[in-house]
Amino acid sequence: MALVRKRIAYPAYLPDQLPRNVLTLATNVLPAVDGYRPVKTLTAISEPLGATFRGGGAFISASGIAYLLSGTANGLERYVGGAWTTLLAAMSVPTRWRFAQFGDYVVAVNGVDTKEIDLSAGTASSLTGAPSGNGVAVVGDFVVITRADDNRLMVQWSAFNNHRGWTAGVDQSGFQPLLTGDEVKGIAGGEYGVILQRFRLVRMERTGDDKAPFNFAEITPNFGCASSGSIAQAGRTVFFLSDRGFMALEDGQTLKPIGNEKFDQTFRDSVSVSDYEKLWAAVDPKRSLVMWGMPGTPGRIWVYNWVLDRASTIELPFAGLFSGYETSSTLEDIAEIYPSLDDMPYSLDDARFQGGDPRLYVVTNANEVGALSGPNMRATMKMGWIAPADPNVSRVRAAWPITDATAGVSISLDARQQMGSDQAVTTGGTMQSSGRVPLRCRGRYVSITQTHEAGTVWTYSQGADLEFEAGGLR
C-alpha cells in the first residue's frame, strides 16, 4: 500500500468527554483559534513581600498614574520605585484582601478592618464607620460591602457618592439582609451589582428612590457560588464556580455553563470541595482569558478563553493570581535605568513609562509578584484515540508537527487494535531538521502526544501530519 499523509488538527481540550478526537491533555498552552500557543515561565518582577500574600490589585489615579497594591497577612504594601513600601503593618489578616477603586481612593476589605488607600498621597488608614467584609465593589455611585461586620447574610452600602459615609439612613446609605440563599460569597460591581450567595444569585439595581435606593431581584434560585475565591469579572460578565461547575453570568441575567461536559468533572476529580476556598481567580483581559488557580508545588491553573469557548491548563508552583496594570515609572525610577537623560532612547512621555497596560500577575511561593513573561514552559498536548485508516489498521511511519518550532519537539504514539486494550505499542521520536519525526508502529487506533521542551522558541502548534499506510483489518 502507498504511504498516505493525513493532517490531524488538534481539537479542543475536552477531558470530560470520551477520549476520541479530543485533547485529553493541554498542559502549559493557551487556546488559540487555530491551535495552541505557549505559556511562558513565571518571572518575578519584584522583591518578596514582607509577609504571606493575601490579595492584590492595580489602580490608576485621576492623574493617570498606575499603582500596584498587595495585601499580606500582616498588612498592606505598595510597589514604588521598583520596591515594596509598607502602608500598613502589625495586622493579623487570616483571609483575602479585596479591593475596589472609588475616585482617587481604594477601599480594601479583609474580613477584619476595612481600609482606605489614598492613591495620590500613598497612605492608608482605617475607613471610619465602614463595616468589615469579605467582598467590595462599586455599584453606581455607591461602595458596597458584603458579609458586613461578619454577618454572613448582610450587604451594606455607603452614602451616595461618598465612600466615607456609612451611617444607615443618611445620604442614602443603608443595608439589606438577604434572608434566603445562605451566605454571601461576594459581589461584582458596575451599573448594577451581582451578589453571589451560596445557593442564589441576586441583582442589585438602582431604584431612583432616595429612601430605598436599591432593589434586590433574584436572578436564579437554588443555584449559587461554591467558592468566594472563584469570582472574577470581565466587563458585564461574572465568572464563578458553582456546585454544577464553572459558570458565566452575562449581563446580570443569562447564566451559561462553560465547563459542562468539557472540564468540570476533571476539575472536581482533582480538587476537593474542602479546598474550594483556596482557589484564586483572575482575568487576563488582553487575551480574553479567565483563570482559576489552585496553589501548590506544582499548582494548577484552569484557563478558559470566553471568545473561543476553549480551555487548557497550566502547571507551575505559585501562591496567588490577580488582574492589574503595569505600574507607572517615576522620574527617579527612570533615572536609575538611564543615569544620563541625554542617552535615554525614549521620550519622557513615552507610553512605556506611563503604566496602565492590563496585565495578569502571578505570585510565587516566595511571595514575589511576577508575570508569565520568561522563556516558554514545557508544553504537552495529548489527543484521544483516532483511527487514521478506519476501519483498517494503520502502519505509521512518521509524523510532521505543524508548528513554527524548529527544534525541541517530540511526538510519541500509543497504537492499539482496540481502544480498551492494554497498551500495545508506544513509539516516539524527536523532530529532525527536515521537520520529520520518524516513527514505527501499527494499530487501528492511535493516540498522539506532542511535547515542546522548556526554553524552546515557538509561537503556535496546530497538530501533526501523520504519515502511514493502510493495512488489513487486524
Protein backbone atom coordinates (compact mmCIF):
# COMPACT_ATOMS: atom_id res chain seq x y z
CA MET A 1 0.00 0.00 0.00
CA ALA A 2 1.14 3.54 -0.73
CA LEU A 3 2.09 5.92 2.04
CA VAL A 4 -0.62 8.44 2.89
CA ARG A 5 -0.16 11.71 4.73
CA LYS A 6 -3.17 12.83 6.78
CA ARG A 7 -3.45 16.10 8.69
CA ILE A 8 -4.52 15.73 12.30
CA ALA A 9 -5.51 19.16 13.64
CA TYR A 10 -5.52 19.44 17.42
CA PRO A 11 -9.13 19.65 18.65
CA ALA A 12 -10.42 21.31 21.81
CA TYR A 13 -9.26 20.25 25.27
CA LEU A 14 -12.28 18.25 26.48
CA PRO A 15 -11.05 15.81 29.13
CA ASP A 16 -14.57 15.08 30.40
CA GLN A 17 -15.69 13.61 27.07
CA LEU A 18 -14.98 10.17 25.65
CA PRO A 19 -11.30 10.05 24.66
CA ARG A 20 -11.93 10.14 20.93
CA ASN A 21 -10.98 13.06 18.67
CA VAL A 22 -10.43 15.43 21.64
CA LEU A 23 -7.41 16.61 23.57
CA THR A 24 -7.15 14.84 26.91
CA LEU A 25 -4.11 16.91 27.96
CA ALA A 26 -3.33 20.53 27.12
CA THR A 27 -0.67 21.49 29.64
CA ASN A 28 1.18 24.82 29.63
CA VAL A 29 -0.52 26.04 26.49
CA LEU A 30 -3.16 28.70 25.77
CA PRO A 31 -6.13 28.18 23.42
CA ALA A 32 -5.87 29.85 20.02
CA VAL A 33 -8.30 30.00 17.13
CA ASP A 34 -6.12 27.68 15.07
CA GLY A 35 -4.43 25.57 17.74
CA TYR A 36 -2.46 26.39 20.86
CA ARG A 37 0.17 28.90 21.93
CA PRO A 38 2.92 28.59 24.55
CA VAL A 39 2.83 29.70 28.18
CA LYS A 40 5.91 31.50 29.41
CA THR A 41 7.63 30.78 32.70
CA LEU A 42 6.80 32.74 35.83
CA THR A 43 9.32 35.54 36.30
CA ALA A 44 9.40 37.68 39.44
CA ILE A 45 9.19 41.43 38.81
CA SER A 46 9.54 42.42 42.46
CA GLU A 47 11.39 41.56 45.61
CA PRO A 48 9.47 39.36 48.09
CA LEU A 49 6.63 40.88 50.07
CA GLY A 50 7.12 41.28 53.79
CA ALA A 51 4.59 38.56 54.63
CA THR A 52 2.33 35.94 53.05
CA PHE A 53 0.42 37.24 50.02
CA ARG A 54 -3.35 37.57 50.62
CA GLY A 55 -4.55 39.55 47.59
CA GLY A 56 -3.56 42.20 45.10
CA GLY A 57 -4.77 44.81 42.67
CA ALA A 58 -3.63 47.66 40.43
CA PHE A 59 -5.33 51.03 40.13
CA ILE A 60 -4.98 54.18 38.04
CA SER A 61 -5.36 57.57 39.70
CA ALA A 62 -7.10 60.56 38.14
CA SER A 63 -3.67 61.85 37.11
CA GLY A 64 -3.10 58.70 35.07
CA ILE A 65 -0.52 57.07 37.34
CA ALA A 66 -0.84 53.32 37.85
CA TYR A 67 -0.29 51.86 41.34
CA LEU A 68 0.22 48.24 42.40
CA LEU A 69 -1.06 47.13 45.82
CA SER A 70 -0.62 43.83 47.66
CA GLY A 71 -2.36 42.78 50.85
CA THR A 72 -0.49 40.42 53.13
CA ALA A 73 -1.10 38.50 56.34
CA ASN A 74 0.50 41.41 58.22
CA GLY A 75 -0.71 44.49 56.34
CA LEU A 76 -0.64 46.32 53.06
CA GLU A 77 2.21 47.21 50.68
CA ARG A 78 2.58 49.43 47.61
CA TYR A 79 5.04 48.94 44.78
CA VAL A 80 7.03 52.13 44.26
CA GLY A 81 10.36 52.71 42.57
CA GLY A 82 10.99 49.02 41.99
CA ALA A 83 10.44 48.07 45.64
CA TRP A 84 7.63 47.41 48.09
CA THR A 85 6.88 50.08 50.67
CA THR A 86 4.75 49.37 53.72
CA LEU A 87 1.45 51.23 54.00
CA LEU A 88 0.05 49.23 56.92
CA ALA A 89 1.76 46.82 59.30
CA ALA A 90 1.23 44.89 62.55
CA MET A 91 -2.10 43.48 61.35
CA SER A 92 -3.32 39.89 61.52
CA VAL A 93 -5.25 39.05 58.34
CA PRO A 94 -6.27 35.39 58.06
CA THR A 95 -8.38 35.77 54.89
CA ARG A 96 -8.18 37.51 51.50
CA TRP A 97 -7.79 41.19 50.79
CA ARG A 98 -10.20 42.54 48.16
CA PHE A 99 -10.17 46.00 46.63
CA ALA A 100 -12.47 48.47 44.85
CA GLN A 101 -11.46 51.86 43.49
CA PHE A 102 -13.60 54.93 44.16
CA GLY A 103 -12.09 58.03 42.58
CA ASP A 104 -8.55 58.55 43.85
CA TYR A 105 -9.19 56.16 46.73
CA VAL A 106 -9.25 52.39 47.07
CA VAL A 107 -11.48 50.69 49.61
CA ALA A 108 -9.92 47.44 50.86
CA VAL A 109 -11.69 44.74 52.87
CA ASN A 110 -10.00 41.81 54.58
CA GLY A 111 -12.61 40.38 56.93
CA VAL A 112 -11.06 42.25 59.86
CA ASP A 113 -10.80 46.01 59.35
CA THR A 114 -11.81 47.93 56.23
CA LYS A 115 -9.12 50.30 54.96
CA GLU A 116 -8.92 53.37 52.75
CA ILE A 117 -5.91 53.91 50.46
CA ASP A 118 -5.23 57.40 49.13
CA LEU A 119 -3.57 56.75 45.78
CA SER A 120 -2.14 60.23 45.33
CA ALA A 121 -0.78 60.57 48.87
CA GLY A 122 0.37 56.96 49.10
CA THR A 123 -1.18 56.49 52.52
CA ALA A 124 -3.62 54.02 54.07
CA SER A 125 -5.81 54.14 57.16
CA SER A 126 -8.92 52.61 58.67
CA LEU A 127 -12.14 53.66 56.98
CA THR A 128 -14.07 55.04 59.94
CA GLY A 129 -17.63 53.71 60.23
CA ALA A 130 -17.29 51.18 57.43
CA PRO A 131 -18.08 47.54 58.23
CA SER A 132 -15.61 44.74 57.76
CA GLY A 133 -16.43 42.44 54.87
CA ASN A 134 -15.41 39.62 52.53
CA GLY A 135 -16.18 41.48 49.30
CA VAL A 136 -16.32 45.03 47.98
CA ALA A 137 -17.46 46.65 44.74
CA VAL A 138 -18.69 49.96 43.38
CA VAL A 139 -22.31 49.85 42.21
CA GLY A 140 -23.31 53.06 40.50
CA ASP A 141 -22.15 55.81 42.88
CA PHE A 142 -22.06 53.62 45.99
CA VAL A 143 -19.42 51.43 47.62
CA VAL A 144 -20.97 48.09 48.60
CA ILE A 145 -19.51 45.66 51.15
CA THR A 146 -20.72 42.09 51.53
CA ARG A 147 -20.85 39.98 54.67
CA ALA A 148 -20.84 43.26 56.59
CA ASP A 149 -19.40 43.04 60.10
CA ASP A 150 -19.17 39.26 59.74
CA ASN A 151 -22.91 38.89 59.23
CA ARG A 152 -22.90 36.21 56.56
CA LEU A 153 -26.22 37.42 55.09
CA MET A 154 -25.67 41.19 55.21
CA VAL A 155 -24.99 43.65 52.38
CA GLN A 156 -24.22 47.27 53.31
CA TRP A 157 -23.65 50.31 51.09
CA SER A 158 -22.15 53.75 51.60
CA ALA A 159 -23.68 57.16 51.22
CA PHE A 160 -24.31 58.44 47.69
CA ASN A 161 -21.01 59.37 46.01
CA ASN A 162 -19.23 59.22 49.36
CA HIS A 163 -17.18 56.18 50.33
CA ARG A 164 -16.73 57.60 53.84
CA GLY A 165 -20.42 57.83 54.75
CA TRP A 166 -21.69 54.66 56.41
CA THR A 167 -24.47 55.83 58.74
CA ALA A 168 -27.62 53.99 57.71
CA GLY A 169 -30.39 56.33 56.58
CA VAL A 170 -28.05 59.25 55.94
CA ASP A 171 -27.46 60.31 52.31
CA GLN A 172 -28.97 57.05 51.03
CA SER A 173 -26.58 54.82 52.98
CA GLY A 174 -28.18 51.56 54.10
CA PHE A 175 -28.08 47.80 54.44
CA GLN A 176 -30.03 44.73 53.34
CA PRO A 177 -30.04 41.25 54.89
CA LEU A 178 -30.51 38.51 52.28
CA LEU A 179 -32.55 36.04 54.27
CA THR A 180 -32.67 33.27 51.66
CA GLY A 181 -29.84 31.78 49.65
CA ASP A 182 -27.42 31.27 52.57
CA GLU A 183 -24.10 33.11 53.00
CA VAL A 184 -22.94 35.86 50.66
CA LYS A 185 -19.79 34.76 48.83
CA GLY A 186 -19.00 38.03 47.08
CA ILE A 187 -20.11 40.77 44.71
CA ALA A 188 -19.41 42.09 41.22
CA GLY A 189 -19.98 45.77 40.51
CA GLY A 190 -20.80 48.18 37.71
CA GLU A 191 -24.01 49.97 36.77
CA TYR A 192 -25.73 47.19 38.75
CA GLY A 193 -24.40 44.73 41.28
CA VAL A 194 -24.41 40.94 41.18
CA ILE A 195 -24.45 39.39 44.64
CA LEU A 196 -23.32 35.79 44.71
CA GLN A 197 -24.73 33.72 47.55
CA ARG A 198 -24.09 30.10 48.30
CA PHE A 199 -27.37 28.98 46.75
CA ARG A 200 -28.68 32.06 44.94
CA LEU A 201 -27.71 34.92 42.62
CA VAL A 202 -29.19 38.37 43.18
CA ARG A 203 -29.13 41.51 41.03
CA MET A 204 -28.76 44.78 42.96
CA GLU A 205 -30.36 47.60 40.93
CA ARG A 206 -30.85 51.32 41.46
CA THR A 207 -34.45 52.40 42.05
CA GLY A 208 -34.17 56.20 41.86
CA ASP A 209 -35.79 56.40 45.32
CA ASP A 210 -33.57 58.22 47.83
CA LYS A 211 -35.13 56.36 50.76
CA ALA A 212 -34.80 52.92 49.20
CA PRO A 213 -32.03 53.32 46.63
CA PHE A 214 -31.69 49.63 45.71
CA ASN A 215 -33.93 46.81 44.64
CA PHE A 216 -32.76 43.22 45.10
CA ALA A 217 -34.06 40.96 42.32
CA GLU A 218 -33.44 37.23 42.31
CA ILE A 219 -31.64 36.06 39.17
CA THR A 220 -31.83 32.37 39.91
CA PRO A 221 -32.86 30.37 43.00
CA ASN A 222 -31.21 27.18 44.24
CA PHE A 223 -28.12 27.95 42.23
CA GLY A 224 -25.16 29.88 43.57
CA CYS A 225 -21.43 30.24 44.12
CA ALA A 226 -19.43 27.45 45.74
CA SER A 227 -16.22 29.45 46.28
CA SER A 228 -15.63 33.12 47.05
CA GLY A 229 -12.16 32.74 45.57
CA SER A 230 -13.60 31.68 42.21
CA ILE A 231 -15.31 35.01 41.39
CA ALA A 232 -13.85 37.04 38.52
CA GLN A 233 -15.37 39.79 36.40
CA ALA A 234 -14.72 40.85 32.81
CA GLY A 235 -16.93 43.79 31.80
CA ARG A 236 -20.57 42.74 32.23
CA THR A 237 -19.73 39.04 32.62
CA VAL A 238 -19.17 37.40 36.00
CA PHE A 239 -17.36 34.05 36.16
CA PHE A 240 -17.59 31.71 39.16
CA LEU A 241 -17.60 28.11 40.33
CA SER A 242 -20.94 26.60 41.27
CA ASP A 243 -21.88 23.15 42.54
CA ARG A 244 -22.72 22.32 38.93
CA GLY A 245 -19.41 23.51 37.54
CA PHE A 246 -17.91 26.69 36.14
CA MET A 247 -20.39 29.35 35.07
CA ALA A 248 -20.58 32.70 33.31
CA LEU A 249 -23.35 35.17 34.16
CA GLU A 250 -23.79 37.53 31.22
CA ASP A 251 -25.40 40.97 31.51
CA GLY A 252 -26.60 40.14 35.00
CA GLN A 253 -29.29 37.78 33.75
CA THR A 254 -28.15 35.00 31.39
CA LEU A 255 -26.46 32.05 33.06
CA LYS A 256 -24.16 29.98 30.85
CA PRO A 257 -22.36 26.75 31.86
CA ILE A 258 -18.84 26.90 30.41
CA GLY A 259 -17.29 23.69 31.73
CA ASN A 260 -20.15 21.21 31.48
CA GLU A 261 -19.05 18.05 29.61
CA LYS A 262 -15.74 19.83 29.00
CA PHE A 263 -13.54 20.12 32.09
CA ASP A 264 -15.85 20.39 35.13
CA GLN A 265 -15.57 16.73 36.11
CA THR A 266 -11.80 16.70 35.64
CA PHE A 267 -11.61 19.71 37.96
CA ARG A 268 -13.82 18.02 40.56
CA ASP A 269 -11.70 14.86 40.39
CA SER A 270 -8.54 16.82 41.16
CA VAL A 271 -9.77 19.40 43.70
CA SER A 272 -11.52 18.55 46.95
CA VAL A 273 -14.64 20.52 47.88
CA SER A 274 -12.93 21.37 51.15
CA ASP A 275 -10.24 23.21 49.15
CA TYR A 276 -12.58 25.36 47.05
CA GLU A 277 -11.89 28.45 49.14
CA LYS A 278 -8.19 28.15 48.31
CA LEU A 279 -8.93 28.96 44.66
CA TRP A 280 -7.70 32.16 43.05
CA ALA A 281 -9.47 33.69 40.07
CA ALA A 282 -8.27 36.39 37.71
CA VAL A 283 -8.91 37.74 34.23
CA ASP A 284 -6.31 38.39 31.55
CA PRO A 285 -8.30 40.96 29.52
CA LYS A 286 -5.72 41.35 26.76
CA ARG A 287 -6.19 37.71 25.75
CA SER A 288 -9.86 37.18 26.75
CA LEU A 289 -8.86 34.61 29.37
CA VAL A 290 -10.24 33.83 32.79
CA MET A 291 -8.11 31.65 35.06
CA TRP A 292 -8.84 29.62 38.17
CA GLY A 293 -5.77 28.50 40.08
CA MET A 294 -5.20 26.05 42.90
CA PRO A 295 -1.86 26.91 44.55
CA GLY A 296 0.73 24.26 45.23
CA THR A 297 4.08 22.83 44.19
CA PRO A 298 3.20 22.45 41.47
CA GLY A 299 -0.10 24.27 41.38
CA ARG A 300 -2.60 24.01 38.58
CA ILE A 301 -4.42 26.76 36.70
CA TRP A 302 -7.51 26.13 34.57
CA VAL A 303 -7.63 28.55 31.66
CA TYR A 304 -10.78 29.42 29.70
CA ASN A 305 -10.96 31.66 26.62
CA TRP A 306 -14.51 33.03 26.60
CA VAL A 307 -14.31 34.24 23.00
CA LEU A 308 -13.15 30.89 21.59
CA ASP A 309 -15.00 28.78 24.19
CA ARG A 310 -11.86 26.67 24.62
CA ALA A 311 -9.79 25.68 27.64
CA SER A 312 -6.33 24.49 28.70
CA THR A 313 -4.26 24.12 31.86
CA ILE A 314 -1.03 25.49 33.33
CA GLU A 315 1.11 23.68 35.89
CA LEU A 316 3.64 25.65 37.94
CA PRO A 317 4.39 26.48 41.57
CA PHE A 318 2.50 29.61 42.62
CA ALA A 319 0.75 31.24 45.58
CA GLY A 320 -1.88 33.52 44.02
CA LEU A 321 -3.26 35.35 40.98
CA PHE A 322 -4.70 38.78 40.36
CA SER A 323 -5.53 41.12 37.49
CA GLY A 324 -3.95 44.53 37.27
CA TYR A 325 -1.99 47.05 35.26
CA GLU A 326 1.66 47.69 34.68
CA THR A 327 2.84 50.30 37.15
CA SER A 328 3.98 53.77 36.14
CA SER A 329 7.64 54.81 36.33
CA THR A 330 8.61 57.90 38.27
CA LEU A 331 11.46 60.20 37.26
CA GLU A 332 13.54 58.56 40.00
CA ASP A 333 12.83 55.11 38.53
CA ILE A 334 13.83 56.28 35.06
CA ALA A 335 16.99 57.90 36.40
CA GLU A 336 18.11 54.57 37.85
CA ILE A 337 17.74 52.93 34.43
CA TYR A 338 19.13 55.84 32.40
CA PRO A 339 21.53 57.89 34.57
CA SER A 340 22.04 60.30 31.66
CA LEU A 341 18.83 61.59 30.13
CA ASP A 342 20.80 62.53 27.02
CA ASP A 343 21.50 58.83 26.46
CA MET A 344 17.89 57.73 27.00
CA PRO A 345 16.47 56.37 23.71
CA TYR A 346 12.89 57.36 24.56
CA SER A 347 10.93 60.48 25.36
CA LEU A 348 9.88 61.01 28.99
CA ASP A 349 6.24 60.92 27.86
CA ASP A 350 6.73 57.58 26.07
CA ALA A 351 3.87 55.17 26.80
CA ARG A 352 6.28 52.59 28.22
CA PHE A 353 6.79 54.79 31.30
CA GLN A 354 3.13 55.60 31.87
CA GLY A 355 1.89 52.22 33.05
CA GLY A 356 -1.76 51.24 32.88
CA ASP A 357 -1.34 48.40 30.39
CA PRO A 358 -3.58 45.48 31.52
CA ARG A 359 -1.60 42.59 32.94
CA LEU A 360 -2.08 39.29 34.71
CA TYR A 361 0.05 38.93 37.84
CA VAL A 362 1.08 35.61 39.37
CA VAL A 363 2.63 35.40 42.85
CA THR A 364 5.46 32.95 43.50
CA ASN A 365 5.69 30.69 46.53
CA ALA A 366 8.36 33.08 47.80
CA ASN A 367 5.72 35.89 47.80
CA GLU A 368 7.26 37.66 44.82
CA VAL A 369 4.82 39.29 42.42
CA GLY A 370 5.59 38.15 38.88
CA ALA A 371 4.27 37.62 35.38
CA LEU A 372 4.28 34.82 32.84
CA SER A 373 6.96 36.53 30.80
CA GLY A 374 10.04 34.28 30.78
CA PRO A 375 11.09 31.58 28.28
CA ASN A 376 8.46 29.12 27.11
CA MET A 377 7.48 26.38 29.53
CA ARG A 378 7.48 22.68 28.65
CA ALA A 379 4.17 22.09 26.88
CA THR A 380 2.27 18.86 26.28
CA MET A 381 -0.77 18.14 24.11
CA LYS A 382 -2.24 14.64 24.06
CA MET A 383 -5.04 13.51 21.79
CA GLY A 384 -7.63 10.88 22.45
CA TRP A 385 -7.99 7.98 20.03
CA ILE A 386 -8.13 8.48 16.28
CA ALA A 387 -8.39 5.84 13.53
CA PRO A 388 -6.38 7.18 10.56
CA ALA A 389 -7.26 4.31 8.18
CA ASP A 390 -10.60 3.33 9.73
CA PRO A 391 -11.63 0.53 9.70
CA ASN A 392 -8.21 -0.76 8.67
CA VAL A 393 -5.01 -0.95 10.67
CA SER A 394 -2.58 1.93 10.19
CA ARG A 395 1.14 1.33 9.80
CA VAL A 396 2.57 4.64 10.95
CA ARG A 397 5.99 5.64 9.63
CA ALA A 398 6.42 9.28 10.57
CA ALA A 399 4.79 12.49 11.79
CA TRP A 400 5.35 16.10 10.78
CA PRO A 401 4.48 18.55 13.59
CA ILE A 402 2.54 21.61 12.41
CA THR A 403 4.34 24.32 14.34
CA ASP A 404 6.81 27.15 13.84
CA ALA A 405 9.23 25.45 16.25
CA THR A 406 12.48 24.38 14.62
CA ALA A 407 13.78 22.28 17.49
CA GLY A 408 12.76 20.75 20.82
CA VAL A 409 9.62 18.99 19.52
CA SER A 410 8.94 15.31 20.10
CA ILE A 411 5.99 13.07 19.28
CA SER A 412 5.03 9.74 20.82
CA LEU A 413 2.28 7.38 19.64
CA ASP A 414 0.26 4.80 21.52
CA ALA A 415 -1.12 2.34 18.94
CA ARG A 416 -3.75 -0.31 19.78
CA GLN A 417 -6.07 -2.66 18.00
CA GLN A 418 -8.89 -1.78 20.41
CA MET A 419 -9.21 1.42 22.42
CA GLY A 420 -9.80 -0.53 25.63
CA SER A 421 -6.87 -2.92 25.13
CA ASP A 422 -3.79 -2.87 27.30
CA GLN A 423 -1.09 -0.59 25.98
CA ALA A 424 0.39 -2.38 23.00
CA VAL A 425 2.94 -0.31 21.13
CA THR A 426 4.41 3.01 22.17
CA THR A 427 6.92 4.70 19.94
CA GLY A 428 8.42 8.15 19.92
CA GLY A 429 10.94 10.38 18.26
CA THR A 430 12.34 13.88 18.07
CA MET A 431 11.78 16.26 15.19
CA GLN A 432 14.67 16.28 12.74
CA SER A 433 15.99 19.33 10.90
CA SER A 434 13.70 18.40 7.99
CA GLY A 435 10.67 18.71 10.29
CA ARG A 436 10.04 14.93 10.21
CA VAL A 437 9.69 12.72 13.30
CA PRO A 438 10.49 9.09 12.38
CA LEU A 439 8.12 6.58 13.99
CA ARG A 440 7.22 2.94 13.57
CA CYS A 441 4.08 1.29 14.93
CA ARG A 442 0.82 -0.30 13.83
CA GLY A 443 -2.71 -0.33 15.20
CA ARG A 444 -6.24 0.59 14.31
CA TYR A 445 -6.35 3.31 16.95
CA VAL A 446 -3.60 5.82 17.62
CA SER A 447 -3.15 8.44 20.36
CA ILE A 448 -0.70 11.27 19.62
CA THR A 449 1.27 13.13 22.30
CA GLN A 450 3.29 16.16 21.23
CA THR A 451 5.79 17.87 23.53
CA HIS A 452 7.63 21.16 23.22
CA GLU A 453 10.65 21.22 25.50
CA ALA A 454 11.16 24.04 28.00
CA GLY A 455 13.03 27.06 26.70
CA THR A 456 12.49 26.32 23.01
CA VAL A 457 11.17 29.06 20.76
CA TRP A 458 7.74 28.66 19.19
CA THR A 459 4.52 30.66 18.91
CA TYR A 460 1.91 28.16 17.72
CA SER A 461 1.22 24.43 17.46
CA GLN A 462 -1.68 23.18 15.36
CA GLY A 463 -1.30 19.42 15.17
CA ALA A 464 0.63 16.95 13.05
CA ASP A 465 0.65 15.38 9.61
CA LEU A 466 0.63 11.61 10.10
CA GLU A 467 2.43 9.51 7.50
CA PHE A 468 1.07 5.93 7.29
CA GLU A 469 -0.10 3.15 5.05
CA ALA A 470 -3.35 1.25 5.43
CA GLY A 471 -3.10 -2.41 6.32
CA GLY A 472 -5.70 -5.11 6.80
CA LEU A 473 -8.44 -5.28 9.40
CA ARG A 474 -6.17 -6.78 12.06
